[in-house]
C-alpha atoms as a PDB file:
ATOM      1  CA  MET A   1     110.130 108.316 124.826  1.00  0.00           C
ATOM      2  CA  GLU A   2     111.894 106.802 121.651  1.00  0.00           C
ATOM      3  CA  SER A   3     114.562 108.884 119.962  1.00  0.00           C
ATOM      4  CA  ALA A   4     113.951 111.360 117.046  1.00  0.00           C
ATOM      5  CA  PHE A   5     115.856 109.138 114.801  1.00  0.00           C
ATOM      6  CA  PHE A   6     113.856 106.059 115.891  1.00  0.00           C
ATOM      7  CA  ARG A   7     110.296 107.693 115.243  1.00  0.00           C
ATOM      8  CA  GLN A   8     111.611 109.026 111.723  1.00  0.00           C
ATOM      9  CA  GLN A   9     112.188 105.592 110.423  1.00  0.00           C
ATOM     10  CA  ALA A  10     108.995 104.290 111.314  1.00  0.00           C
ATOM     11  CA  ASP A  11     106.578 103.258 108.443  1.00  0.00           C
ATOM     12  CA  GLU A  12     103.754 104.663 110.382  1.00  0.00           C
ATOM     13  CA  LEU A  13     103.646 107.709 112.905  1.00  0.00           C
ATOM     14  CA  PRO A  14     104.608 106.069 116.145  1.00  0.00           C
ATOM     15  CA  VAL A  15     102.767 107.761 118.972  1.00  0.00           C
ATOM     16  CA  PRO A  16     105.272 108.238 121.825  1.00  0.00           C
ATOM     17  CA  VAL A  17     104.398 106.576 125.116  1.00  0.00           C
ATOM     18  CA  PHE A  18     105.024 108.484 128.524  1.00  0.00           C
ATOM     19  CA  ASP A  19     105.159 106.183 131.386  1.00  0.00           C
ATOM     20  CA  MET A  20     105.926 108.953 134.184  1.00  0.00           C
ATOM     21  CA  LEU A  21     105.852 112.456 134.519  1.00  0.00           C
ATOM     22  CA  GLY A  22     109.166 114.509 133.910  1.00  0.00           C
ATOM     23  CA  TYR A  23     110.270 117.705 133.105  1.00  0.00           C
ATOM     24  CA  ASN A  24     112.287 119.259 130.144  1.00  0.00           C
ATOM     25  CA  TYR A  25     114.865 121.534 131.447  1.00  0.00           C
ATOM     26  CA  LYS A  26     116.960 122.171 127.986  1.00  0.00           C
ATOM     27  CA  LEU A  27     117.488 125.773 128.358  1.00  0.00           C
ATOM     28  CA  SER A  28     121.256 126.297 128.687  1.00  0.00           C
ATOM     29  CA  ASP A  29     122.598 129.962 129.303  1.00  0.00           C
ATOM     30  CA  ILE A  30     123.921 129.859 125.556  1.00  0.00           C
ATOM     31  CA  GLN A  31     120.383 128.919 124.357  1.00  0.00           C
ATOM     32  CA  ALA A  32     118.827 131.819 126.415  1.00  0.00           C
ATOM     33  CA  ALA A  33     121.566 134.164 125.084  1.00  0.00           C
ATOM     34  CA  VAL A  34     120.253 133.104 121.397  1.00  0.00           C
ATOM     35  CA  ALA A  35     116.932 133.690 122.317  1.00  0.00           C
ATOM     36  CA  LEU A  36     117.117 136.930 123.439  1.00  0.00           C
ATOM     37  CA  VAL A  37     118.896 138.085 120.142  1.00  0.00           C
ATOM     38  CA  GLN A  38     115.727 136.064 118.219  1.00  0.00           C
ATOM     39  CA  LEU A  39     113.550 137.948 120.182  1.00  0.00           C
ATOM     40  CA  GLY A  40     114.308 140.957 117.975  1.00  0.00           C
ATOM     41  CA  ARG A  41     113.831 139.169 115.017  1.00  0.00           C
ATOM     42  CA  LEU A  42     110.468 137.843 116.140  1.00  0.00           C
ATOM     43  CA  PRO A  43     108.067 140.450 113.789  1.00  0.00           C
ATOM     44  CA  ALA A  44     110.046 139.271 110.973  1.00  0.00           C
ATOM     45  CA  LEU A  45     110.074 135.772 111.880  1.00  0.00           C
ATOM     46  CA  LEU A  46     106.259 135.946 112.574  1.00  0.00           C
ATOM     47  CA  GLU A  47     105.656 137.771 109.210  1.00  0.00           C
ATOM     48  CA  ALA A  48     107.558 134.983 107.408  1.00  0.00           C
ATOM     49  CA  ARG A  49     105.463 132.197 108.989  1.00  0.00           C
ATOM     50  CA  ARG A  50     102.074 134.054 108.233  1.00  0.00           C
ATOM     51  CA  ARG A  51     103.251 134.240 104.234  1.00  0.00           C
ATOM     52  CA  VAL A  52     103.781 130.423 104.532  1.00  0.00           C
ATOM     53  CA  ALA A  53     100.430 129.869 106.210  1.00  0.00           C
ATOM     54  CA  ARG A  54      98.840 132.123 103.692  1.00  0.00           C
ATOM     55  CA  ARG A  55     100.261 130.328 100.953  1.00  0.00           C
ATOM     56  CA  TYR A  56      99.336 126.871 102.247  1.00  0.00           C
ATOM     57  CA  GLY A  57      95.879 128.206 102.749  1.00  0.00           C
ATOM     58  CA  GLU A  58      95.721 129.393  98.974  1.00  0.00           C
ATOM     59  CA  LEU A  59      96.913 125.780  97.798  1.00  0.00           C
ATOM     60  CA  LEU A  60      95.070 123.691 100.224  1.00  0.00           C
ATOM     61  CA  SER A  61      91.612 125.408 100.766  1.00  0.00           C
ATOM     62  CA  SER A  62      89.981 123.667  98.268  1.00  0.00           C
ATOM     63  CA  LEU A  63      91.188 120.033  99.089  1.00  0.00           C
ATOM     64  CA  GLU A  64      88.476 117.756 100.108  1.00  0.00           C
ATOM     65  CA  GLY A  65      88.792 115.765 103.035  1.00  0.00           C
ATOM     66  CA  VAL A  66      91.451 118.083 104.609  1.00  0.00           C
ATOM     67  CA  GLY A  67      90.582 121.066 107.359  1.00  0.00           C
ATOM     68  CA  LEU A  68      93.074 123.929 107.494  1.00  0.00           C
ATOM     69  CA  PRO A  69      93.799 125.643 110.814  1.00  0.00           C
ATOM     70  CA  VAL A  70      92.081 128.813 111.360  1.00  0.00           C
ATOM     71  CA  GLU A  71      93.178 132.224 112.373  1.00  0.00           C
ATOM     72  CA  LEU A  72      90.424 134.087 114.264  1.00  0.00           C
ATOM     73  CA  GLY A  73      90.117 137.846 113.368  1.00  0.00           C
ATOM     74  CA  ASP A  74      90.817 139.046 117.198  1.00  0.00           C
ATOM     75  CA  ARG A  75      93.960 136.795 117.620  1.00  0.00           C
ATOM     76  CA  GLU A  76      97.341 136.487 115.894  1.00  0.00           C
ATOM     77  CA  HIS A  77      98.493 133.075 115.285  1.00  0.00           C
ATOM     78  CA  THR A  78     102.141 132.323 115.677  1.00  0.00           C
ATOM     79  CA  TRP A  79     102.321 129.329 113.143  1.00  0.00           C
ATOM     80  CA  GLN A  80     104.360 127.437 115.213  1.00  0.00           C
ATOM     81  CA  SER A  81     103.103 124.843 113.193  1.00  0.00           C
ATOM     82  CA  PHE A  82     100.637 124.174 110.376  1.00  0.00           C
ATOM     83  CA  VAL A  83      98.326 121.180 111.638  1.00  0.00           C
ATOM     84  CA  LEU A  84      95.761 119.729 108.835  1.00  0.00           C
ATOM     85  CA  THR A  85      92.973 118.037 110.059  1.00  0.00           C
ATOM     86  CA  LEU A  86      92.137 114.898 107.981  1.00  0.00           C
ATOM     87  CA  ASP A  87      88.798 113.312 107.614  1.00  0.00           C
ATOM     88  CA  PRO A  88      88.089 110.283 109.554  1.00  0.00           C
ATOM     89  CA  GLU A  89      88.062 107.981 106.202  1.00  0.00           C
ATOM     90  CA  LEU A  90      91.534 109.063 105.748  1.00  0.00           C
ATOM     91  CA  SER A  91      94.095 107.438 107.149  1.00  0.00           C
ATOM     92  CA  ARG A  92      96.751 109.904 109.055  1.00  0.00           C
ATOM     93  CA  GLY A  93      99.506 107.057 108.812  1.00  0.00           C
ATOM     94  CA  ARG A  94      99.159 106.280 105.096  1.00  0.00           C
ATOM     95  CA  VAL A  95      98.897 110.045 104.165  1.00  0.00           C
ATOM     96  CA  ALA A  96     102.129 110.769 106.170  1.00  0.00           C
ATOM     97  CA  ARG A  97     103.898 107.758 104.651  1.00  0.00           C
ATOM     98  CA  ARG A  98     103.087 109.007 101.093  1.00  0.00           C
ATOM     99  CA  LEU A  99     104.493 112.294 102.094  1.00  0.00           C
ATOM    100  CA  ARG A 100     107.689 110.847 103.415  1.00  0.00           C
ATOM    101  CA  GLU A 101     108.061 108.972 100.158  1.00  0.00           C
ATOM    102  CA  ALA A 102     107.892 112.110  98.204  1.00  0.00           C
ATOM    103  CA  GLY A 103     110.705 113.488 100.643  1.00  0.00           C
ATOM    104  CA  ILE A 104     108.200 115.665 102.786  1.00  0.00           C
ATOM    105  CA  GLN A 105     108.445 115.708 106.499  1.00  0.00           C
ATOM    106  CA  ALA A 106     104.965 115.251 108.348  1.00  0.00           C
ATOM    107  CA  ASN A 107     104.283 114.003 111.899  1.00  0.00           C
ATOM    108  CA  ILE A 108     101.564 113.700 114.623  1.00  0.00           C
ATOM    109  CA  GLY A 109      99.930 117.430 114.710  1.00  0.00           C
ATOM    110  CA  THR A 110      98.853 117.280 118.481  1.00  0.00           C
ATOM    111  CA  PHE A 111      98.939 115.157 121.276  1.00  0.00           C
ATOM    112  CA  ALA A 112      95.718 113.712 123.425  1.00  0.00           C
ATOM    113  CA  SER A 113      97.691 113.736 126.529  1.00  0.00           C
ATOM    114  CA  HIS A 114      94.544 112.110 128.464  1.00  0.00           C
ATOM    115  CA  LEU A 115      95.468 108.779 126.424  1.00  0.00           C
ATOM    116  CA  GLN A 116      98.937 108.378 127.756  1.00  0.00           C
ATOM    117  CA  PRO A 117      99.683 105.665 130.464  1.00  0.00           C
ATOM    118  CA  VAL A 118     101.184 107.961 132.821  1.00  0.00           C
ATOM    119  CA  TYR A 119      97.663 109.087 134.025  1.00  0.00           C
ATOM    120  CA  GLU A 120      95.869 106.065 135.589  1.00  0.00           C
ATOM    121  CA  ASP A 121      92.435 107.017 135.036  1.00  0.00           C
ATOM    122  CA  PRO A 122      92.387 108.563 131.737  1.00  0.00           C
ATOM    123  CA  ALA A 123      89.257 111.155 130.936  1.00  0.00           C
ATOM    124  CA  VAL A 124      87.016 110.216 128.525  1.00  0.00           C
ATOM    125  CA  CYS A 125      87.399 112.951 125.916  1.00  0.00           C
ATOM    126  CA  PRO A 126      86.119 111.405 122.622  1.00  0.00           C
ATOM    127  CA  ILE A 127      86.680 114.673 120.719  1.00  0.00           C
ATOM    128  CA  SER A 128      90.363 115.540 121.575  1.00  0.00           C
ATOM    129  CA  ALA A 129      90.941 111.990 121.110  1.00  0.00           C
ATOM    130  CA  GLY A 130      89.403 111.806 117.590  1.00  0.00           C
ATOM    131  CA  LEU A 131      91.378 114.920 116.471  1.00  0.00           C
ATOM    132  CA  PHE A 132      94.582 113.312 117.920  1.00  0.00           C
ATOM    133  CA  ASP A 133      93.829 110.515 115.344  1.00  0.00           C
ATOM    134  CA  ARG A 134      93.161 113.071 112.504  1.00  0.00           C
ATOM    135  CA  HIS A 135      95.672 115.795 112.841  1.00  0.00           C
ATOM    136  CA  LEU A 136      98.793 116.017 110.643  1.00  0.00           C
ATOM    137  CA  ALA A 137     101.515 118.474 110.756  1.00  0.00           C
ATOM    138  CA  ILE A 138     103.252 119.619 107.682  1.00  0.00           C
ATOM    139  CA  PRO A 139     106.473 121.559 107.137  1.00  0.00           C
ATOM    140  CA  MET A 140     106.124 125.120 108.875  1.00  0.00           C
ATOM    141  CA  HIS A 141     109.092 127.477 109.517  1.00  0.00           C
ATOM    142  CA  ALA A 142     110.191 130.976 108.657  1.00  0.00           C
ATOM    143  CA  ASN A 143     112.807 130.120 105.877  1.00  0.00           C
ATOM    144  CA  LEU A 144     110.336 128.028 103.729  1.00  0.00           C
ATOM    145  CA  THR A 145     110.450 129.495 100.278  1.00  0.00           C
ATOM    146  CA  GLU A 146     107.165 129.647  98.091  1.00  0.00           C
ATOM    147  CA  SER A 147     108.529 127.156  95.858  1.00  0.00           C
ATOM    148  CA  GLN A 148     108.860 124.728  98.743  1.00  0.00           C
ATOM    149  CA  VAL A 149     105.557 125.564  99.951  1.00  0.00           C
ATOM    150  CA  ASP A 150     104.020 124.639  96.610  1.00  0.00           C
ATOM    151  CA  ARG A 151     105.847 121.418  96.636  1.00  0.00           C
ATOM    152  CA  VAL A 152     104.698 120.524  99.950  1.00  0.00           C
ATOM    153  CA  ALA A 153     101.123 121.580  98.968  1.00  0.00           C
ATOM    154  CA  ALA A 154     101.381 119.397  95.746  1.00  0.00           C
ATOM    155  CA  ALA A 155     102.610 116.315  97.865  1.00  0.00           C
ATOM    156  CA  VAL A 156      99.880 116.708 100.187  1.00  0.00           C
ATOM    157  CA  ILE A 157      97.174 116.965  97.467  1.00  0.00           C
ATOM    158  CA  ARG A 158      98.854 113.836  95.626  1.00  0.00           C
ATOM    159  CA  ALA A 159      98.991 112.170  99.245  1.00  0.00           C
ATOM    160  CA  VAL A 160      95.286 112.795 100.034  1.00  0.00           C
ATOM    161  CA  GLN A 161      93.901 111.874  96.549  1.00  0.00           C
ATOM    162  CA  GLY A 162      96.069 108.743  96.416  1.00  0.00           C
ATOM    163  CA  GLU A 163      94.482 107.871  99.827  1.00  0.00           C
ATOM    164  CA  ARG A 164      90.929 108.259  98.528  1.00  0.00           C
ATOM    165  CA  GLU A 165      91.566 105.901  95.519  1.00  0.00           C
END
């Protein structure tokens, strides 16, 4: 697939194309050692991500045209990402461009693997294909401060409202 640098420079959100099956064996011994240390920090990292997700929820829950991720009561969400579901009339690419112009990273939220050329006979999955077109990931990590989350949320609100005009 294209490099991350290429994808970041694009005006739209380019969809990576996978022409062949492959594997990702990127974990080295040093990375494994770091991962072991990070596991000790896991509870604090998860709580920090939950804090960010709660704040996003507070700020974006009333934004018309945007669905937020749901955390079911009998499960624990890891908040690896925070993916918005845009209403069909909103252009994910244009919303993402507005965010990037405001200095906010945005990317495809989820992939619809069945649409990739590597699958010779793709399944017809209209729901996952539709969600793929409408999902948008906004910044999510354990080190986001409240003011940074507020800034991202304000930019999302402006981008969505600007797209509706």
